[in-house]
Amino acid sequence: MSGICQRWTLHFTGRVQGVGFRASTEHIAAGFAVTGYVRNLRDGRVEVVAEGTEPELRKFLDEIRARLGYYIREQTQVTDAASGEWVDFAVRY
C-alpha cells in the first residue's frame, strides 16, 4: 500500500451476529487494499480492525454500510497509526 496508512478500529452494534456479517465483511475487504480482521465480540458487537490509506478505508467502510447497513444500529470508530502487522484481511474466531 502506498501513501500514509491508518488503522481504523470499528465497532458495530445492532443485529450484526448470526447474519453473515463477518463473512460478508471479509468478502468486501477482498475488493480493497486493506488488511486486518473482523470478529464477533462477546457483548454482541462486531469488531473490524482495518489498515490502509484513508481513502481506501473510507471506500471499504462505505461498502460495508451499503451492503450491511440494514443490520447496523450504531457504529464507533477509533483512528490510530497503522502497525503493518497483517498481510491480508480475515475472519478471527
PDB file of N, CA and C in Angstrom:
ATOM      1  N   MET A   1       0.849  -1.179   0.000  1.00  0.00           N
ATOM      2  CA  MET A   1       0.000   0.000   0.000  1.00  0.00           C
ATOM      3  C   MET A   1       0.887   1.232   0.000  1.00  0.00           C
ATOM      4  N   SER A   2       0.622   2.123  -0.901  1.00  0.00           N
ATOM      5  CA  SER A   2       1.386   3.369  -0.925  1.00  0.00           C
ATOM      6  C   SER A   2       0.574   4.451  -0.228  1.00  0.00           C
ATOM      7  N   GLY A   3       1.239   5.489   0.240  1.00  0.00           N
ATOM      8  CA  GLY A   3       0.565   6.541   0.982  1.00  0.00           C
ATOM      9  C   GLY A   3       0.634   6.264   2.469  1.00  0.00           C
ATOM     10  N   ILE A   4       0.155   7.222   3.234  1.00  0.00           N
ATOM     11  CA  ILE A   4       0.165   7.094   4.687  1.00  0.00           C
ATOM     12  C   ILE A   4      -0.996   6.200   5.105  1.00  0.00           C
ATOM     13  N   CYS A   5      -0.667   5.151   5.828  1.00  0.00           N
ATOM     14  CA  CYS A   5      -1.688   4.202   6.256  1.00  0.00           C
ATOM     15  C   CYS A   5      -2.170   4.518   7.660  1.00  0.00           C
ATOM     16  N   GLN A   6      -3.422   4.183   7.894  1.00  0.00           N
ATOM     17  CA  GLN A   6      -4.065   4.359   9.189  1.00  0.00           C
ATOM     18  C   GLN A   6      -4.630   3.028   9.641  1.00  0.00           C
ATOM     19  N   ARG A   7      -4.939   2.945  10.919  1.00  0.00           N
ATOM     20  CA  ARG A   7      -5.676   1.801  11.465  1.00  0.00           C
ATOM     21  C   ARG A   7      -7.010   2.335  11.955  1.00  0.00           C
ATOM     22  N   TRP A   8      -8.074   1.717  11.451  1.00  0.00           N
ATOM     23  CA  TRP A   8      -9.415   2.040  11.932  1.00  0.00           C
ATOM     24  C   TRP A   8      -9.930   0.854  12.734  1.00  0.00           C
ATOM     25  N   THR A   9     -10.324   1.122  13.979  1.00  0.00           N
ATOM     26  CA  THR A   9     -10.980   0.113  14.793  1.00  0.00           C
ATOM     27  C   THR A   9     -12.449   0.504  14.854  1.00  0.00           C
ATOM     28  N   LEU A  10     -13.279  -0.358  14.294  1.00  0.00           N
ATOM     29  CA  LEU A  10     -14.706  -0.095  14.181  1.00  0.00           C
ATOM     30  C   LEU A  10     -15.475  -1.102  15.018  1.00  0.00           C
ATOM     31  N   HIS A  11     -16.488  -0.623  15.703  1.00  0.00           N
ATOM     32  CA  HIS A  11     -17.389  -1.499  16.447  1.00  0.00           C
ATOM     33  C   HIS A  11     -18.802  -1.241  15.947  1.00  0.00           C
ATOM     34  N   PHE A  12     -19.457  -2.321  15.538  1.00  0.00           N
ATOM     35  CA  PHE A  12     -20.820  -2.243  15.041  1.00  0.00           C
ATOM     36  C   PHE A  12     -21.758  -2.906  16.025  1.00  0.00           C
ATOM     37  N   THR A  13     -22.863  -2.230  16.324  1.00  0.00           N
ATOM     38  CA  THR A  13     -23.910  -2.819  17.148  1.00  0.00           C
ATOM     39  C   THR A  13     -25.181  -2.917  16.321  1.00  0.00           C
ATOM     40  N   GLY A  14     -26.071  -3.754  16.765  1.00  0.00           N
ATOM     41  CA  GLY A  14     -27.322  -3.999  16.061  1.00  0.00           C
ATOM     42  C   GLY A  14     -27.517  -5.497  15.941  1.00  0.00           C
ATOM     43  N   ARG A  15     -28.126  -5.913  14.848  1.00  0.00           N
ATOM     44  CA  ARG A  15     -28.285  -7.350  14.594  1.00  0.00           C
ATOM     45  C   ARG A  15     -27.124  -7.790  13.703  1.00  0.00           C
ATOM     46  N   VAL A  16     -25.929  -7.790  14.271  1.00  0.00           N
ATOM     47  CA  VAL A  16     -24.708  -7.989  13.484  1.00  0.00           C
ATOM     48  C   VAL A  16     -24.064  -9.357  13.687  1.00  0.00           C
ATOM     49  N   GLN A  17     -24.607 -10.176  14.580  1.00  0.00           N
ATOM     50  CA  GLN A  17     -24.084 -11.524  14.748  1.00  0.00           C
ATOM     51  C   GLN A  17     -25.137 -12.527  14.280  1.00  0.00           C
ATOM     52  N   GLY A  18     -24.676 -13.597  13.652  1.00  0.00           N
ATOM     53  CA  GLY A  18     -25.577 -14.630  13.183  1.00  0.00           C
ATOM     54  C   GLY A  18     -26.278 -14.302  11.876  1.00  0.00           C
ATOM     55  N   VAL A  19     -25.763 -13.299  11.155  1.00  0.00           N
ATOM     56  CA  VAL A  19     -26.392 -12.884   9.893  1.00  0.00           C
ATOM     57  C   VAL A  19     -25.394 -12.879   8.730  1.00  0.00           C
ATOM     58  N   GLY A  20     -24.211 -13.464   8.932  1.00  0.00           N
ATOM     59  CA  GLY A  20     -23.194 -13.486   7.881  1.00  0.00           C
ATOM     60  C   GLY A  20     -22.367 -12.218   7.794  1.00  0.00           C
ATOM     61  N   PHE A  21     -22.390 -11.406   8.843  1.00  0.00           N
ATOM     62  CA  PHE A  21     -21.682 -10.125   8.839  1.00  0.00           C
ATOM     63  C   PHE A  21     -20.181 -10.307   8.651  1.00  0.00           C
ATOM     64  N   ARG A  22     -19.589 -11.251   9.373  1.00  0.00           N
ATOM     65  CA  ARG A  22     -18.133 -11.450   9.280  1.00  0.00           C
ATOM     66  C   ARG A  22     -17.726 -11.928   7.894  1.00  0.00           C
ATOM     67  N   ALA A  23     -18.406 -12.930   7.381  1.00  0.00           N
ATOM     68  CA  ALA A  23     -18.068 -13.461   6.052  1.00  0.00           C
ATOM     69  C   ALA A  23     -18.268 -12.400   4.980  1.00  0.00           C
ATOM     70  N   SER A  24     -19.344 -11.633   5.101  1.00  0.00           N
ATOM     71  CA  SER A  24     -19.596 -10.576   4.119  1.00  0.00           C
ATOM     72  C   SER A  24     -18.521  -9.501   4.183  1.00  0.00           C
ATOM     73  N   THR A  25     -18.107  -9.150   5.405  1.00  0.00           N
ATOM     74  CA  THR A  25     -17.064  -8.135   5.562  1.00  0.00           C
ATOM     75  C   THR A  25     -15.743  -8.623   4.974  1.00  0.00           C
ATOM     76  N   GLU A  26     -15.414  -9.895   5.199  1.00  0.00           N
ATOM     77  CA  GLU A  26     -14.197 -10.468   4.615  1.00  0.00           C
ATOM     78  C   GLU A  26     -14.268 -10.430   3.088  1.00  0.00           C
ATOM     79  N   HIS A  27     -15.416 -10.745   2.532  1.00  0.00           N
ATOM     80  CA  HIS A  27     -15.610 -10.717   1.082  1.00  0.00           C
ATOM     81  C   HIS A  27     -15.474  -9.284   0.545  1.00  0.00           C
ATOM     82  N   ILE A  28     -16.067  -8.321   1.244  1.00  0.00           N
ATOM     83  CA  ILE A  28     -15.967  -6.920   0.844  1.00  0.00           C
ATOM     84  C   ILE A  28     -14.510  -6.468   0.871  1.00  0.00           C
ATOM     85  N   ALA A  29     -13.776  -6.851   1.910  1.00  0.00           N
ATOM     86  CA  ALA A  29     -12.377  -6.430   2.069  1.00  0.00           C
ATOM     87  C   ALA A  29     -11.515  -6.885   0.904  1.00  0.00           C
ATOM     88  N   ALA A  30     -11.866  -8.011   0.290  1.00  0.00           N
ATOM     89  CA  ALA A  30     -11.081  -8.528  -0.837  1.00  0.00           C
ATOM     90  C   ALA A  30     -11.049  -7.548  -2.006  1.00  0.00           C
ATOM     91  N   GLY A  31     -12.010  -6.653  -2.073  1.00  0.00           N
ATOM     92  CA  GLY A  31     -12.061  -5.678  -3.153  1.00  0.00           C
ATOM     93  C   GLY A  31     -11.319  -4.382  -2.869  1.00  0.00           C
ATOM     94  N   PHE A  32     -10.671  -4.305  -1.737  1.00  0.00           N
ATOM     95  CA  PHE A  32      -9.982  -3.076  -1.334  1.00  0.00           C
ATOM     96  C   PHE A  32      -8.578  -3.385  -0.835  1.00  0.00           C
ATOM     97  N   ALA A  33      -7.715  -2.397  -0.873  1.00  0.00           N
ATOM     98  CA  ALA A  33      -6.346  -2.545  -0.386  1.00  0.00           C
ATOM     99  C   ALA A  33      -6.330  -2.302   1.120  1.00  0.00           C
ATOM    100  N   VAL A  34      -6.916  -3.253   1.867  1.00  0.00           N
ATOM    101  CA  VAL A  34      -6.946  -3.168   3.323  1.00  0.00           C
ATOM    102  C   VAL A  34      -6.492  -4.496   3.911  1.00  0.00           C
ATOM    103  N   THR A  35      -5.938  -4.424   5.103  1.00  0.00           N
ATOM    104  CA  THR A  35      -5.557  -5.614   5.852  1.00  0.00           C
ATOM    105  C   THR A  35      -6.188  -5.518   7.230  1.00  0.00           C
ATOM    106  N   GLY A  36      -6.236  -6.645   7.934  1.00  0.00           N
ATOM    107  CA  GLY A  36      -6.777  -6.637   9.291  1.00  0.00           C
ATOM    108  C   GLY A  36      -7.678  -7.814   9.534  1.00  0.00           C
ATOM    109  N   TYR A  37      -8.739  -7.589  10.330  1.00  0.00           N
ATOM    110  CA  TYR A  37      -9.617  -8.693  10.682  1.00  0.00           C
ATOM    111  C   TYR A  37     -11.007  -8.199  11.075  1.00  0.00           C
ATOM    112  N   VAL A  38     -11.924  -9.150  11.111  1.00  0.00           N
ATOM    113  CA  VAL A  38     -13.274  -8.943  11.627  1.00  0.00           C
ATOM    114  C   VAL A  38     -13.559 -10.077  12.605  1.00  0.00           C
ATOM    115  N   ARG A  39     -14.214  -9.755  13.730  1.00  0.00           N
ATOM    116  CA  ARG A  39     -14.545 -10.802  14.701  1.00  0.00           C
ATOM    117  C   ARG A  39     -15.777 -10.397  15.503  1.00  0.00           C
ATOM    118  N   ASN A  40     -16.471 -11.411  16.009  1.00  0.00           N
ATOM    119  CA  ASN A  40     -17.576 -11.198  16.942  1.00  0.00           C
ATOM    120  C   ASN A  40     -17.010 -10.951  18.328  1.00  0.00           C
ATOM    121  N   LEU A  41     -17.658 -10.083  19.074  1.00  0.00           N
ATOM    122  CA  LEU A  41     -17.307  -9.854  20.474  1.00  0.00           C
ATOM    123  C   LEU A  41     -18.381 -10.475  21.354  1.00  0.00           C
ATOM    124  N   ARG A  42     -18.007 -10.829  22.545  1.00  0.00           N
ATOM    125  CA  ARG A  42     -18.940 -11.494  23.464  1.00  0.00           C
ATOM    126  C   ARG A  42     -20.144 -10.633  23.831  1.00  0.00           C
ATOM    127  N   ASP A  43     -19.996  -9.321  23.736  1.00  0.00           N
ATOM    128  CA  ASP A  43     -21.105  -8.427  24.108  1.00  0.00           C
ATOM    129  C   ASP A  43     -22.110  -8.218  22.971  1.00  0.00           C
ATOM    130  N   GLY A  44     -21.944  -8.963  21.855  1.00  0.00           N
ATOM    131  CA  GLY A  44     -22.889  -8.876  20.753  1.00  0.00           C
ATOM    132  C   GLY A  44     -22.473  -7.944  19.635  1.00  0.00           C
ATOM    133  N   ARG A  45     -21.392  -7.204  19.819  1.00  0.00           N
ATOM    134  CA  ARG A  45     -20.903  -6.318  18.756  1.00  0.00           C
ATOM    135  C   ARG A  45     -20.011  -7.091  17.802  1.00  0.00           C
ATOM    136  N   VAL A  46     -19.741  -6.476  16.659  1.00  0.00           N
ATOM    137  CA  VAL A  46     -18.733  -6.973  15.731  1.00  0.00           C
ATOM    138  C   VAL A  46     -17.630  -5.926  15.675  1.00  0.00           C
ATOM    139  N   GLU A  47     -16.389  -6.406  15.742  1.00  0.00           N
ATOM    140  CA  GLU A  47     -15.220  -5.536  15.669  1.00  0.00           C
ATOM    141  C   GLU A  47     -14.528  -5.732  14.329  1.00  0.00           C
ATOM    142  N   VAL A  48     -14.228  -4.619  13.673  1.00  0.00           N
ATOM    143  CA  VAL A  48     -13.427  -4.626  12.448  1.00  0.00           C
ATOM    144  C   VAL A  48     -12.196  -3.781  12.733  1.00  0.00           C
ATOM    145  N   VAL A  49     -11.024  -4.359  12.542  1.00  0.00           N
ATOM    146  CA  VAL A  49      -9.772  -3.612  12.635  1.00  0.00           C
ATOM    147  C   VAL A  49      -9.149  -3.678  11.247  1.00  0.00           C
ATOM    148  N   ALA A  50      -9.022  -2.520  10.608  1.00  0.00           N
ATOM    149  CA  ALA A  50      -8.544  -2.483   9.229  1.00  0.00           C
ATOM    150  C   ALA A  50      -7.465  -1.419   9.080  1.00  0.00           C
ATOM    151  N   GLU A  51      -6.478  -1.748   8.262  1.00  0.00           N
ATOM    152  CA  GLU A  51      -5.404  -0.809   7.957  1.00  0.00           C
ATOM    153  C   GLU A  51      -5.341  -0.581   6.459  1.00  0.00           C
ATOM    154  N   GLY A  52      -5.055   0.649   6.096  1.00  0.00           N
ATOM    155  CA  GLY A  52      -4.921   1.042   4.693  1.00  0.00           C
ATOM    156  C   GLY A  52      -4.827   2.550   4.633  1.00  0.00           C
ATOM    157  N   THR A  53      -4.830   3.081   3.431  1.00  0.00           N
ATOM    158  CA  THR A  53      -4.848   4.536   3.295  1.00  0.00           C
ATOM    159  C   THR A  53      -6.241   5.038   3.648  1.00  0.00           C
ATOM    160  N   GLU A  54      -6.336   6.292   4.044  1.00  0.00           N
ATOM    161  CA  GLU A  54      -7.629   6.848   4.444  1.00  0.00           C
ATOM    162  C   GLU A  54      -8.672   6.741   3.331  1.00  0.00           C
ATOM    163  N   PRO A  55      -8.344   7.054   2.079  1.00  0.00           N
ATOM    164  CA  PRO A  55      -9.361   6.908   1.030  1.00  0.00           C
ATOM    165  C   PRO A  55      -9.825   5.460   0.846  1.00  0.00           C
ATOM    166  N   GLU A  56      -8.912   4.513   0.950  1.00  0.00           N
ATOM    167  CA  GLU A  56      -9.271   3.112   0.777  1.00  0.00           C
ATOM    168  C   GLU A  56     -10.118   2.620   1.948  1.00  0.00           C
ATOM    169  N   LEU A  57      -9.760   3.020   3.161  1.00  0.00           N
ATOM    170  CA  LEU A  57     -10.558   2.654   4.333  1.00  0.00           C
ATOM    171  C   LEU A  57     -11.959   3.240   4.238  1.00  0.00           C
ATOM    172  N   ARG A  58     -12.065   4.479   3.766  1.00  0.00           N
ATOM    173  CA  ARG A  58     -13.371   5.121   3.643  1.00  0.00           C
ATOM    174  C   ARG A  58     -14.243   4.371   2.644  1.00  0.00           C
ATOM    175  N   LYS A  59     -13.670   3.977   1.508  1.00  0.00           N
ATOM    176  CA  LYS A  59     -14.435   3.224   0.499  1.00  0.00           C
ATOM    177  C   LYS A  59     -14.855   1.861   1.057  1.00  0.00           C
ATOM    178  N   PHE A  60     -13.958   1.209   1.785  1.00  0.00           N
ATOM    179  CA  PHE A  60     -14.253  -0.077   2.417  1.00  0.00           C
ATOM    180  C   PHE A  60     -15.424   0.071   3.390  1.00  0.00           C
ATOM    181  N   LEU A  61     -15.363   1.076   4.257  1.00  0.00           N
ATOM    182  CA  LEU A  61     -16.431   1.305   5.224  1.00  0.00           C
ATOM    183  C   LEU A  61     -17.745   1.659   4.521  1.00  0.00           C
ATOM    184  N   ASP A  62     -17.668   2.480   3.486  1.00  0.00           N
ATOM    185  CA  ASP A  62     -18.874   2.832   2.732  1.00  0.00           C
ATOM    186  C   ASP A  62     -19.534   1.585   2.149  1.00  0.00           C
ATOM    187  N   GLU A  63     -18.722   0.638   1.674  1.00  0.00           N
ATOM    188  CA  GLU A  63     -19.265  -0.592   1.098  1.00  0.00           C
ATOM    189  C   GLU A  63     -19.881  -1.485   2.181  1.00  0.00           C
ATOM    190  N   ILE A  64     -19.252  -1.529   3.360  1.00  0.00           N
ATOM    191  CA  ILE A  64     -19.848  -2.273   4.472  1.00  0.00           C
ATOM    192  C   ILE A  64     -21.225  -1.687   4.787  1.00  0.00           C
ATOM    193  N   ARG A  65     -21.307  -0.370   4.874  1.00  0.00           N
ATOM    194  CA  ARG A  65     -22.585   0.281   5.178  1.00  0.00           C
ATOM    195  C   ARG A  65     -23.613   0.025   4.080  1.00  0.00           C
ATOM    196  N   ALA A  66     -23.169   0.068   2.828  1.00  0.00           N
ATOM    197  CA  ALA A  66     -24.089  -0.136   1.709  1.00  0.00           C
ATOM    198  C   ALA A  66     -24.669  -1.545   1.711  1.00  0.00           C
ATOM    199  N   ARG A  67     -23.834  -2.530   1.988  1.00  0.00           N
ATOM    200  CA  ARG A  67     -24.286  -3.926   1.922  1.00  0.00           C
ATOM    201  C   ARG A  67     -24.882  -4.446   3.219  1.00  0.00           C
ATOM    202  N   LEU A  68     -24.403  -3.938   4.355  1.00  0.00           N
ATOM    203  CA  LEU A  68     -24.805  -4.498   5.647  1.00  0.00           C
ATOM    204  C   LEU A  68     -25.498  -3.488   6.555  1.00  0.00           C
ATOM    205  N   GLY A  69     -25.725  -2.297   6.056  1.00  0.00           N
ATOM    206  CA  GLY A  69     -26.306  -1.229   6.869  1.00  0.00           C
ATOM    207  C   GLY A  69     -27.628  -1.576   7.511  1.00  0.00           C
ATOM    208  N   TYR A  70     -28.381  -2.459   6.876  1.00  0.00           N
ATOM    209  CA  TYR A  70     -29.668  -2.887   7.415  1.00  0.00           C
ATOM    210  C   TYR A  70     -29.508  -3.490   8.813  1.00  0.00           C
ATOM    211  N   TYR A  71     -28.387  -4.124   9.068  1.00  0.00           N
ATOM    212  CA  TYR A  71     -28.143  -4.794  10.350  1.00  0.00           C
ATOM    213  C   TYR A  71     -27.504  -3.883  11.397  1.00  0.00           C
ATOM    214  N   ILE A  72     -26.953  -2.757  10.966  1.00  0.00           N
ATOM    215  CA  ILE A  72     -26.176  -1.883  11.855  1.00  0.00           C
ATOM    216  C   ILE A  72     -27.079  -0.837  12.502  1.00  0.00           C
ATOM    217  N   ARG A  73     -27.043  -0.801  13.833  1.00  0.00           N
ATOM    218  CA  ARG A  73     -27.768   0.236  14.560  1.00  0.00           C
ATOM    219  C   ARG A  73     -26.841   1.396  14.912  1.00  0.00           C
ATOM    220  N   GLU A  74     -25.639   1.063  15.380  1.00  0.00           N
ATOM    221  CA  GLU A  74     -24.653   2.087  15.741  1.00  0.00           C
ATOM    222  C   GLU A  74     -23.268   1.632  15.323  1.00  0.00           C
ATOM    223  N   GLN A  75     -22.392   2.622  15.165  1.00  0.00           N
ATOM    224  CA  GLN A  75     -21.007   2.336  14.812  1.00  0.00           C
ATOM    225  C   GLN A  75     -20.107   3.330  15.531  1.00  0.00           C
ATOM    226  N   THR A  76     -19.000   2.824  16.065  1.00  0.00           N
ATOM    227  CA  THR A  76     -17.976   3.705  16.624  1.00  0.00           C
ATOM    228  C   THR A  76     -16.690   3.482  15.845  1.00  0.00           C
ATOM    229  N   GLN A  77     -15.850   4.489  15.841  1.00  0.00           N
ATOM    230  CA  GLN A  77     -14.592   4.397  15.100  1.00  0.00           C
ATOM    231  C   GLN A  77     -13.482   5.085  15.871  1.00  0.00           C
ATOM    232  N   VAL A  78     -12.337   4.420  15.941  1.00  0.00           N
ATOM    233  CA  VAL A  78     -11.123   4.999  16.504  1.00  0.00           C
ATOM    234  C   VAL A  78     -10.050   4.912  15.428  1.00  0.00           C
ATOM    235  N   THR A  79      -9.347   6.010  15.203  1.00  0.00           N
ATOM    236  CA  THR A  79      -8.290   6.047  14.195  1.00  0.00           C
ATOM    237  C   THR A  79      -6.935   6.136  14.888  1.00  0.00           C
ATOM    238  N   ASP A  80      -6.026   5.261  14.481  1.00  0.00           N
ATOM    239  CA  ASP A  80      -4.668   5.223  15.023  1.00  0.00           C
ATOM    240  C   ASP A  80      -3.674   5.109  13.868  1.00  0.00           C
ATOM    241  N   ALA A  81      -2.392   5.126  14.215  1.00  0.00           N
ATOM    242  CA  ALA A  81      -1.352   4.858  13.222  1.00  0.00           C
ATOM    243  C   ALA A  81      -1.369   3.370  12.886  1.00  0.00           C
ATOM    244  N   ALA A  82      -1.115   3.050  11.645  1.00  0.00           N
ATOM    245  CA  ALA A  82      -1.072   1.649  11.220  1.00  0.00           C
ATOM    246  C   ALA A  82       0.169   0.969  11.790  1.00  0.00           C
ATOM    247  N   SER A  83       0.025  -0.321  12.077  1.00  0.00           N
ATOM    248  CA  SER A  83       1.149  -1.102  12.592  1.00  0.00           C
ATOM    249  C   SER A  83       1.806  -1.938  11.504  1.00  0.00           C
ATOM    250  N   GLY A  84       1.062  -2.227  10.440  1.00  0.00           N
ATOM    251  CA  GLY A  84       1.587  -3.052   9.357  1.00  0.00           C
ATOM    252  C   GLY A  84       1.733  -4.515   9.724  1.00  0.00           C
ATOM    253  N   GLU A  85       1.009  -4.965  10.749  1.00  0.00           N
ATOM    254  CA  GLU A  85       1.199  -6.335  11.236  1.00  0.00           C
ATOM    255  C   GLU A  85       0.463  -7.400  10.438  1.00  0.00           C
ATOM    256  N   TRP A  86      -0.460  -7.027   9.559  1.00  0.00           N
ATOM    257  CA  TRP A  86      -1.212  -8.020   8.794  1.00  0.00           C
ATOM    258  C   TRP A  86      -0.853  -7.960   7.315  1.00  0.00           C
ATOM    259  N   VAL A  87      -0.987  -9.077   6.649  1.00  0.00           N
ATOM    260  CA  VAL A  87      -0.732  -9.133   5.206  1.00  0.00           C
ATOM    261  C   VAL A  87      -2.012  -9.350   4.421  1.00  0.00           C
ATOM    262  N   ASP A  88      -3.121  -9.664   5.139  1.00  0.00           N
ATOM    263  CA  ASP A  88      -4.399  -9.876   4.479  1.00  0.00           C
ATOM    264  C   ASP A  88      -5.508  -9.455   5.427  1.00  0.00           C
ATOM    265  N   PHE A  89      -6.740  -9.705   5.026  1.00  0.00           N
ATOM    266  CA  PHE A  89      -7.904  -9.428   5.865  1.00  0.00           C
ATOM    267  C   PHE A  89      -8.637 -10.729   6.069  1.00  0.00           C
ATOM    268  N   ALA A  90      -8.935 -11.085   7.310  1.00  0.00           N
ATOM    269  CA  ALA A  90      -9.525 -12.389   7.593  1.00  0.00           C
ATOM    270  C   ALA A  90     -10.506 -12.316   8.748  1.00  0.00           C
ATOM    271  N   VAL A  91     -11.323 -13.353   8.857  1.00  0.00           N
ATOM    272  CA  VAL A  91     -12.210 -13.522   9.996  1.00  0.00           C
ATOM    273  C   VAL A  91     -11.391 -14.101  11.139  1.00  0.00           C
ATOM    274  N   ARG A  92     -11.556 -13.531  12.309  1.00  0.00           N
ATOM    275  CA  ARG A  92     -10.935 -14.093  13.521  1.00  0.00           C
ATOM    276  C   ARG A  92     -12.030 -14.727  14.356  1.00  0.00           C
ATOM    277  N   TYR A  93     -11.680 -15.835  14.994  1.00  0.00           N
ATOM    278  CA  TYR A  93     -12.656 -16.533  15.831  1.00  0.00           C
ATOM    279  C   TYR A  93     -12.241 -16.486  17.284  1.00  0.00           C
TER     280      TYR A  93
END
